[in-house]
Amino acid sequence: APEIDFVTLAKSQGVNGAKVTSPKDLERVLRRAVEVTAGGEPYLLDVRVAPVGAGADSTWYQQFKLRR
């Protein structure tokens, strides 16, 4: 299957975003996303990093909610 460029797709709909492929870039991009969304605009994050560290091979994920 072809790889989908979600950032370009979002931009075609007027939504800015960023793709992250390295854990070292994640904090910077998350900060940018928080800035943009605090201003009332949407921001897409396409995060594609390999799991590393304790629990990286786990198939269990804690449930979470995005609502405050």
N, C-alpha and C. Protein backbone atom coordinates (compact mmCIF):
# COMPACT_ATOMS: atom_id res chain seq x y z
N ALA A 1 0.85 -1.19 0.00
CA ALA A 1 0.00 0.00 0.00
C ALA A 1 0.89 1.24 0.00
N PRO A 2 0.45 2.27 -0.69
CA PRO A 2 1.25 3.50 -0.71
C PRO A 2 1.24 4.20 0.65
N GLU A 3 2.33 4.85 0.96
CA GLU A 3 2.42 5.60 2.22
C GLU A 3 1.65 6.91 2.07
N ILE A 4 0.84 7.22 3.05
CA ILE A 4 0.05 8.45 3.02
C ILE A 4 0.82 9.56 3.72
N ASP A 5 0.93 10.69 3.05
CA ASP A 5 1.57 11.87 3.64
C ASP A 5 0.48 12.68 4.35
N PHE A 6 0.28 12.39 5.63
CA PHE A 6 -0.80 13.01 6.38
C PHE A 6 -0.61 14.51 6.55
N VAL A 7 0.63 14.97 6.63
CA VAL A 7 0.90 16.40 6.80
C VAL A 7 0.46 17.15 5.54
N THR A 8 0.81 16.64 4.38
CA THR A 8 0.39 17.28 3.13
C THR A 8 -1.12 17.21 2.97
N LEU A 9 -1.70 16.10 3.34
CA LEU A 9 -3.16 15.95 3.28
C LEU A 9 -3.84 16.98 4.18
N ALA A 10 -3.32 17.16 5.39
CA ALA A 10 -3.88 18.16 6.31
C ALA A 10 -3.73 19.57 5.74
N LYS A 11 -2.56 19.86 5.17
CA LYS A 11 -2.33 21.19 4.60
C LYS A 11 -3.30 21.48 3.47
N SER A 12 -3.69 20.44 2.72
CA SER A 12 -4.65 20.64 1.63
C SER A 12 -6.01 21.06 2.17
N GLN A 13 -6.24 20.85 3.45
CA GLN A 13 -7.49 21.23 4.10
C GLN A 13 -7.30 22.46 5.01
N GLY A 14 -6.14 23.10 4.91
CA GLY A 14 -5.89 24.31 5.68
C GLY A 14 -5.38 24.09 7.09
N VAL A 15 -4.89 22.88 7.36
CA VAL A 15 -4.40 22.55 8.70
C VAL A 15 -2.89 22.35 8.64
N ASN A 16 -2.16 23.09 9.45
CA ASN A 16 -0.71 22.90 9.52
C ASN A 16 -0.38 21.68 10.36
N GLY A 17 0.84 21.20 10.20
CA GLY A 17 1.25 20.04 10.97
C GLY A 17 2.71 19.72 10.76
N ALA A 18 3.15 18.63 11.38
CA ALA A 18 4.54 18.20 11.28
C ALA A 18 4.62 16.69 11.40
N LYS A 19 5.63 16.14 10.74
CA LYS A 19 5.93 14.71 10.85
C LYS A 19 7.19 14.56 11.70
N VAL A 20 7.14 13.65 12.65
CA VAL A 20 8.27 13.41 13.55
C VAL A 20 8.74 11.98 13.35
N THR A 21 10.03 11.81 13.06
CA THR A 21 10.59 10.47 12.89
C THR A 21 11.71 10.18 13.88
N SER A 22 12.04 11.18 14.69
CA SER A 22 13.11 11.01 15.68
C SER A 22 12.62 11.47 17.05
N PRO A 23 12.80 10.64 18.09
CA PRO A 23 12.37 11.05 19.43
C PRO A 23 12.97 12.38 19.88
N LYS A 24 14.17 12.70 19.41
CA LYS A 24 14.81 13.95 19.85
C LYS A 24 14.07 15.18 19.33
N ASP A 25 13.27 15.04 18.27
CA ASP A 25 12.51 16.16 17.72
C ASP A 25 11.11 16.29 18.33
N LEU A 26 10.69 15.30 19.06
CA LEU A 26 9.31 15.26 19.54
C LEU A 26 8.96 16.42 20.47
N GLU A 27 9.82 16.74 21.42
CA GLU A 27 9.50 17.81 22.36
C GLU A 27 9.29 19.14 21.64
N ARG A 28 10.17 19.46 20.71
CA ARG A 28 10.07 20.72 19.96
C ARG A 28 8.75 20.79 19.19
N VAL A 29 8.41 19.71 18.52
CA VAL A 29 7.20 19.69 17.70
C VAL A 29 5.95 19.71 18.59
N LEU A 30 6.00 19.03 19.72
CA LEU A 30 4.87 19.07 20.65
C LEU A 30 4.65 20.49 21.18
N ARG A 31 5.73 21.18 21.49
CA ARG A 31 5.61 22.57 21.96
C ARG A 31 4.95 23.44 20.90
N ARG A 32 5.35 23.24 19.65
CA ARG A 32 4.74 24.01 18.55
C ARG A 32 3.25 23.69 18.44
N ALA A 33 2.90 22.42 18.55
CA ALA A 33 1.49 22.02 18.47
C ALA A 33 0.67 22.64 19.60
N VAL A 34 1.23 22.70 20.79
CA VAL A 34 0.53 23.31 21.93
C VAL A 34 0.32 24.80 21.67
N GLU A 35 1.34 25.48 21.14
CA GLU A 35 1.21 26.91 20.82
C GLU A 35 0.08 27.14 19.83
N VAL A 36 0.08 26.36 18.76
CA VAL A 36 -0.91 26.55 17.70
C VAL A 36 -2.32 26.25 18.21
N THR A 37 -2.48 25.14 18.91
CA THR A 37 -3.82 24.77 19.37
C THR A 37 -4.32 25.70 20.48
N ALA A 38 -3.40 26.28 21.26
CA ALA A 38 -3.81 27.25 22.28
C ALA A 38 -4.43 28.48 21.64
N GLY A 39 -4.02 28.76 20.40
CA GLY A 39 -4.59 29.87 19.65
C GLY A 39 -5.89 29.52 18.94
N GLY A 40 -6.37 28.31 19.15
CA GLY A 40 -7.64 27.91 18.57
C GLY A 40 -7.57 27.25 17.21
N GLU A 41 -6.37 27.00 16.73
CA GLU A 41 -6.19 26.36 15.43
C GLU A 41 -5.86 24.89 15.60
N PRO A 42 -6.27 24.06 14.64
CA PRO A 42 -5.88 22.65 14.69
C PRO A 42 -4.43 22.48 14.23
N TYR A 43 -3.81 21.40 14.64
CA TYR A 43 -2.43 21.11 14.25
C TYR A 43 -2.27 19.60 14.24
N LEU A 44 -1.80 19.05 13.13
CA LEU A 44 -1.64 17.61 12.99
C LEU A 44 -0.22 17.17 13.34
N LEU A 45 -0.11 16.14 14.15
CA LEU A 45 1.18 15.52 14.43
C LEU A 45 1.18 14.11 13.86
N ASP A 46 2.10 13.84 12.97
CA ASP A 46 2.29 12.50 12.42
C ASP A 46 3.57 11.96 13.05
N VAL A 47 3.41 11.22 14.13
CA VAL A 47 4.56 10.74 14.91
C VAL A 47 4.86 9.31 14.53
N ARG A 48 6.06 9.09 13.98
CA ARG A 48 6.48 7.76 13.54
C ARG A 48 7.86 7.46 14.10
N VAL A 49 7.89 7.12 15.36
CA VAL A 49 9.15 6.78 16.01
C VAL A 49 9.07 5.35 16.52
N ALA A 50 10.19 4.68 16.51
CA ALA A 50 10.25 3.30 17.00
C ALA A 50 10.12 3.30 18.52
N PRO A 51 9.35 2.38 19.07
CA PRO A 51 9.27 2.29 20.53
C PRO A 51 10.61 1.84 21.11
N VAL A 52 11.04 2.52 22.16
CA VAL A 52 12.30 2.17 22.83
C VAL A 52 12.09 2.24 24.34
N GLY A 53 12.95 1.57 25.08
CA GLY A 53 12.91 1.65 26.53
C GLY A 53 12.03 0.60 27.15
N ALA A 54 11.86 0.73 28.47
CA ALA A 54 11.07 -0.23 29.23
C ALA A 54 9.64 -0.26 28.71
N GLY A 55 9.14 -1.44 28.44
CA GLY A 55 7.77 -1.61 27.96
C GLY A 55 7.60 -1.41 26.48
N ALA A 56 8.68 -1.19 25.75
CA ALA A 56 8.59 -0.92 24.32
C ALA A 56 7.97 -2.08 23.55
N ASP A 57 8.14 -3.28 24.05
CA ASP A 57 7.60 -4.43 23.34
C ASP A 57 6.23 -4.85 23.87
N SER A 58 5.65 -4.04 24.74
CA SER A 58 4.35 -4.35 25.34
C SER A 58 3.23 -4.20 24.31
N THR A 59 2.23 -5.04 24.43
CA THR A 59 1.05 -4.91 23.57
C THR A 59 -0.12 -4.32 24.34
N TRP A 60 0.10 -3.91 25.59
CA TRP A 60 -0.93 -3.29 26.42
C TRP A 60 -0.75 -1.78 26.41
N TYR A 61 -1.84 -1.06 26.24
CA TYR A 61 -1.80 0.40 26.25
C TYR A 61 -2.85 0.91 27.21
N GLN A 62 -2.45 1.83 28.07
CA GLN A 62 -3.37 2.41 29.03
C GLN A 62 -4.43 3.23 28.30
N GLN A 63 -5.69 3.11 28.74
CA GLN A 63 -6.74 3.91 28.15
C GLN A 63 -6.56 5.36 28.58
N PHE A 64 -6.88 6.28 27.68
CA PHE A 64 -6.78 7.69 28.01
C PHE A 64 -7.90 8.45 27.31
N LYS A 65 -8.15 9.66 27.79
CA LYS A 65 -9.16 10.53 27.19
C LYS A 65 -8.50 11.84 26.83
N LEU A 66 -8.94 12.43 25.73
CA LEU A 66 -8.40 13.71 25.30
C LEU A 66 -9.16 14.89 25.91
N ARG A 67 -10.33 14.63 26.48
CA ARG A 67 -11.11 15.70 27.11
C ARG A 67 -10.48 16.11 28.42
N ARG A 68 -10.67 17.36 28.76
CA ARG A 68 -10.19 17.85 30.05
C ARG A 68 -11.29 17.82 31.05
